């Protein structure tokens, strides 16, 4: 049985896995790359256009939410693709629901930015 890392070593290993996941998502998912570049533009704008610290945090938070949901969607797609290439209604539903979650997070981003900036 493999001995698990504990304490600070476990934290560093978790960080390594997280960086690996970010790299994999960026390299393999065009939508994630686009959203990362959108974040690079929007995060500084949030600092400039948010009138209060709370507004700035909310504007930045919804940007990160889109990235988080996209990563989860990509993970769902990877697991479904790992299971097999042949179509199954549940596999299609899982991918469609992941896509819907990304779309909803993008709609939330747009709504929040419009409400705060207008």
C-alpha atoms as a PDB file:
ATOM      1  CA  UNK A   1       0.000   0.000   0.000  1.00  0.00           C
ATOM      2  CA  UNK A   2       1.390   3.399  -1.022  1.00  0.00           C
ATOM      3  CA  UNK A   3       2.116   5.817   1.815  1.00  0.00           C
ATOM      4  CA  UNK A   4       0.229   9.091   1.361  1.00  0.00           C
ATOM      5  CA  UNK A   5       1.969  12.443   1.788  1.00  0.00           C
ATOM      6  CA  UNK A   6       0.980  14.314   4.931  1.00  0.00           C
ATOM      7  CA  UNK A   7       1.317  17.808   6.348  1.00  0.00           C
ATOM      8  CA  UNK A   8       3.127  20.437   4.307  1.00  0.00           C
ATOM      9  CA  UNK A   9       4.288  17.843   1.774  1.00  0.00           C
ATOM     10  CA  UNK A  10       0.642  17.020   1.004  1.00  0.00           C
ATOM     11  CA  UNK A  11      -0.100  20.710   0.445  1.00  0.00           C
ATOM     12  CA  UNK A  12       2.799  21.008  -2.013  1.00  0.00           C
ATOM     13  CA  UNK A  13       1.682  17.844  -3.844  1.00  0.00           C
ATOM     14  CA  UNK A  14      -1.871  19.193  -4.091  1.00  0.00           C
ATOM     15  CA  UNK A  15      -0.478  22.441  -5.506  1.00  0.00           C
ATOM     16  CA  UNK A  16       1.532  20.466  -8.094  1.00  0.00           C
ATOM     17  CA  UNK A  17      -1.593  18.563  -9.153  1.00  0.00           C
ATOM     18  CA  UNK A  18      -3.537  21.817  -9.425  1.00  0.00           C
ATOM     19  CA  UNK A  19      -0.901  23.430 -11.648  1.00  0.00           C
ATOM     20  CA  UNK A  20      -0.825  20.267 -13.778  1.00  0.00           C
ATOM     21  CA  UNK A  21      -4.616  20.458 -14.129  1.00  0.00           C
ATOM     22  CA  UNK A  22      -4.501  24.121 -15.154  1.00  0.00           C
ATOM     23  CA  UNK A  23      -1.799  23.399 -17.756  1.00  0.00           C
ATOM     24  CA  UNK A  24      -3.713  20.424 -19.140  1.00  0.00           C
ATOM     25  CA  UNK A  25      -6.928  22.417 -19.398  1.00  0.00           C
ATOM     26  CA  UNK A  26      -5.167  25.355 -21.052  1.00  0.00           C
ATOM     27  CA  UNK A  27      -3.392  23.107 -23.569  1.00  0.00           C
ATOM     28  CA  UNK A  28      -6.381  20.945 -24.467  1.00  0.00           C
ATOM     29  CA  UNK A  29      -9.412  23.242 -24.217  1.00  0.00           C
ATOM     30  CA  UNK A  30      -9.821  26.179 -26.600  1.00  0.00           C
ATOM     31  CA  UNK A  31     -12.730  27.578 -24.582  1.00  0.00           C
ATOM     32  CA  UNK A  32     -10.597  27.650 -21.421  1.00  0.00           C
ATOM     33  CA  UNK A  33      -7.797  29.456 -23.272  1.00  0.00           C
ATOM     34  CA  UNK A  34     -10.284  32.061 -24.498  1.00  0.00           C
ATOM     35  CA  UNK A  35     -11.685  32.515 -20.999  1.00  0.00           C
ATOM     36  CA  UNK A  36      -8.187  32.867 -19.524  1.00  0.00           C
ATOM     37  CA  UNK A  37      -7.448  35.677 -21.979  1.00  0.00           C
ATOM     38  CA  UNK A  38     -10.814  37.228 -21.172  1.00  0.00           C
ATOM     39  CA  UNK A  39      -9.851  37.086 -17.482  1.00  0.00           C
ATOM     40  CA  UNK A  40      -6.506  38.746 -18.220  1.00  0.00           C
ATOM     41  CA  UNK A  41      -8.447  41.644 -19.735  1.00  0.00           C
ATOM     42  CA  UNK A  42     -11.360  41.796 -17.284  1.00  0.00           C
ATOM     43  CA  UNK A  43      -9.506  41.520 -13.970  1.00  0.00           C
ATOM     44  CA  UNK A  44      -7.549  44.781 -14.412  1.00  0.00           C
ATOM     45  CA  UNK A  45     -10.737  46.433 -15.711  1.00  0.00           C
ATOM     46  CA  UNK A  46     -12.523  45.329 -12.537  1.00  0.00           C
ATOM     47  CA  UNK A  47      -9.914  47.215 -10.542  1.00  0.00           C
ATOM     48  CA  UNK A  48     -10.420  50.316 -12.651  1.00  0.00           C
ATOM     49  CA  UNK A  49     -14.208  50.326 -12.963  1.00  0.00           C
ATOM     50  CA  UNK A  50     -15.341  48.894  -9.639  1.00  0.00           C
ATOM     51  CA  UNK A  51     -16.219  51.911  -7.507  1.00  0.00           C
ATOM     52  CA  UNK A  52     -15.809  50.115  -4.178  1.00  0.00           C
ATOM     53  CA  UNK A  53     -13.709  47.222  -2.982  1.00  0.00           C
ATOM     54  CA  UNK A  54     -16.851  45.090  -2.836  1.00  0.00           C
ATOM     55  CA  UNK A  55     -17.701  45.850  -6.467  1.00  0.00           C
ATOM     56  CA  UNK A  56     -14.154  45.012  -7.513  1.00  0.00           C
ATOM     57  CA  UNK A  57     -14.271  41.688  -5.652  1.00  0.00           C
ATOM     58  CA  UNK A  58     -17.632  40.758  -7.176  1.00  0.00           C
ATOM     59  CA  UNK A  59     -16.457  41.627 -10.703  1.00  0.00           C
ATOM     60  CA  UNK A  60     -13.329  39.512 -10.238  1.00  0.00           C
ATOM     61  CA  UNK A  61     -15.215  36.665  -8.526  1.00  0.00           C
ATOM     62  CA  UNK A  62     -17.570  36.111 -11.452  1.00  0.00           C
ATOM     63  CA  UNK A  63     -14.570  35.967 -13.806  1.00  0.00           C
ATOM     64  CA  UNK A  64     -13.009  33.251 -11.645  1.00  0.00           C
ATOM     65  CA  UNK A  65     -16.359  31.460 -11.463  1.00  0.00           C
ATOM     66  CA  UNK A  66     -16.390  31.127 -15.259  1.00  0.00           C
ATOM     67  CA  UNK A  67     -12.885  29.615 -15.180  1.00  0.00           C
ATOM     68  CA  UNK A  68     -13.832  27.205 -12.393  1.00  0.00           C
ATOM     69  CA  UNK A  69     -16.982  26.032 -14.157  1.00  0.00           C
ATOM     70  CA  UNK A  70     -15.069  25.588 -17.433  1.00  0.00           C
ATOM     71  CA  UNK A  71     -12.492  23.401 -15.669  1.00  0.00           C
ATOM     72  CA  UNK A  72     -15.256  21.275 -14.130  1.00  0.00           C
ATOM     73  CA  UNK A  73     -16.955  20.993 -17.532  1.00  0.00           C
ATOM     74  CA  UNK A  74     -13.667  19.889 -19.096  1.00  0.00           C
ATOM     75  CA  UNK A  75     -13.224  17.301 -16.343  1.00  0.00           C
ATOM     76  CA  UNK A  76     -16.712  15.913 -17.014  1.00  0.00           C
ATOM     77  CA  UNK A  77     -15.954  15.729 -20.730  1.00  0.00           C
ATOM     78  CA  UNK A  78     -12.638  13.963 -20.074  1.00  0.00           C
ATOM     79  CA  UNK A  79     -14.294  11.323 -17.905  1.00  0.00           C
ATOM     80  CA  UNK A  80     -17.086  10.752 -20.433  1.00  0.00           C
ATOM     81  CA  UNK A  81     -14.565  10.482 -23.276  1.00  0.00           C
ATOM     82  CA  UNK A  82     -12.475   8.055 -21.211  1.00  0.00           C
ATOM     83  CA  UNK A  83     -15.444   5.730 -20.842  1.00  0.00           C
ATOM     84  CA  UNK A  84     -15.868   5.270 -24.581  1.00  0.00           C
ATOM     85  CA  UNK A  85     -16.377   6.766 -28.019  1.00  0.00           C
ATOM     86  CA  UNK A  86     -19.798   5.278 -28.713  1.00  0.00           C
ATOM     87  CA  UNK A  87     -22.767   7.547 -28.092  1.00  0.00           C
ATOM     88  CA  UNK A  88     -24.845   7.063 -24.981  1.00  0.00           C
ATOM     89  CA  UNK A  89     -27.740   9.298 -24.002  1.00  0.00           C
ATOM     90  CA  UNK A  90     -26.346   9.772 -20.468  1.00  0.00           C
ATOM     91  CA  UNK A  91     -22.911  10.714 -21.802  1.00  0.00           C
ATOM     92  CA  UNK A  92     -24.526  13.278 -24.076  1.00  0.00           C
ATOM     93  CA  UNK A  93     -26.617  14.587 -21.199  1.00  0.00           C
ATOM     94  CA  UNK A  94     -23.549  14.945 -18.951  1.00  0.00           C
ATOM     95  CA  UNK A  95     -21.684  16.922 -21.617  1.00  0.00           C
ATOM     96  CA  UNK A  96     -24.734  19.069 -22.361  1.00  0.00           C
ATOM     97  CA  UNK A  97     -25.245  19.852 -18.670  1.00  0.00           C
ATOM     98  CA  UNK A  98     -21.591  20.805 -18.281  1.00  0.00           C
ATOM     99  CA  UNK A  99     -21.915  23.094 -21.270  1.00  0.00           C
ATOM    100  CA  UNK A 100     -25.081  24.604 -19.809  1.00  0.00           C
ATOM    101  CA  UNK A 101     -23.236  25.308 -16.546  1.00  0.00           C
ATOM    102  CA  UNK A 102     -20.529  27.194 -18.456  1.00  0.00           C
ATOM    103  CA  UNK A 103     -23.160  29.155 -20.381  1.00  0.00           C
ATOM    104  CA  UNK A 104     -24.963  30.089 -17.154  1.00  0.00           C
ATOM    105  CA  UNK A 105     -21.710  31.241 -15.557  1.00  0.00           C
ATOM    106  CA  UNK A 106     -20.995  33.420 -18.599  1.00  0.00           C
ATOM    107  CA  UNK A 107     -24.515  34.884 -18.427  1.00  0.00           C
ATOM    108  CA  UNK A 108     -23.959  35.639 -14.733  1.00  0.00           C
ATOM    109  CA  UNK A 109     -20.680  37.366 -15.592  1.00  0.00           C
ATOM    110  CA  UNK A 110     -22.389  39.554 -18.189  1.00  0.00           C
ATOM    111  CA  UNK A 111     -25.317  40.410 -15.902  1.00  0.00           C
ATOM    112  CA  UNK A 112     -23.091  41.283 -12.921  1.00  0.00           C
ATOM    113  CA  UNK A 113     -20.739  43.407 -15.020  1.00  0.00           C
ATOM    114  CA  UNK A 114     -23.673  45.255 -16.622  1.00  0.00           C
ATOM    115  CA  UNK A 115     -25.401  45.884 -13.294  1.00  0.00           C
ATOM    116  CA  UNK A 116     -22.248  47.202 -11.647  1.00  0.00           C
ATOM    117  CA  UNK A 117     -20.970  49.233 -14.585  1.00  0.00           C
ATOM    118  CA  UNK A 118     -24.223  50.796 -15.750  1.00  0.00           C
END
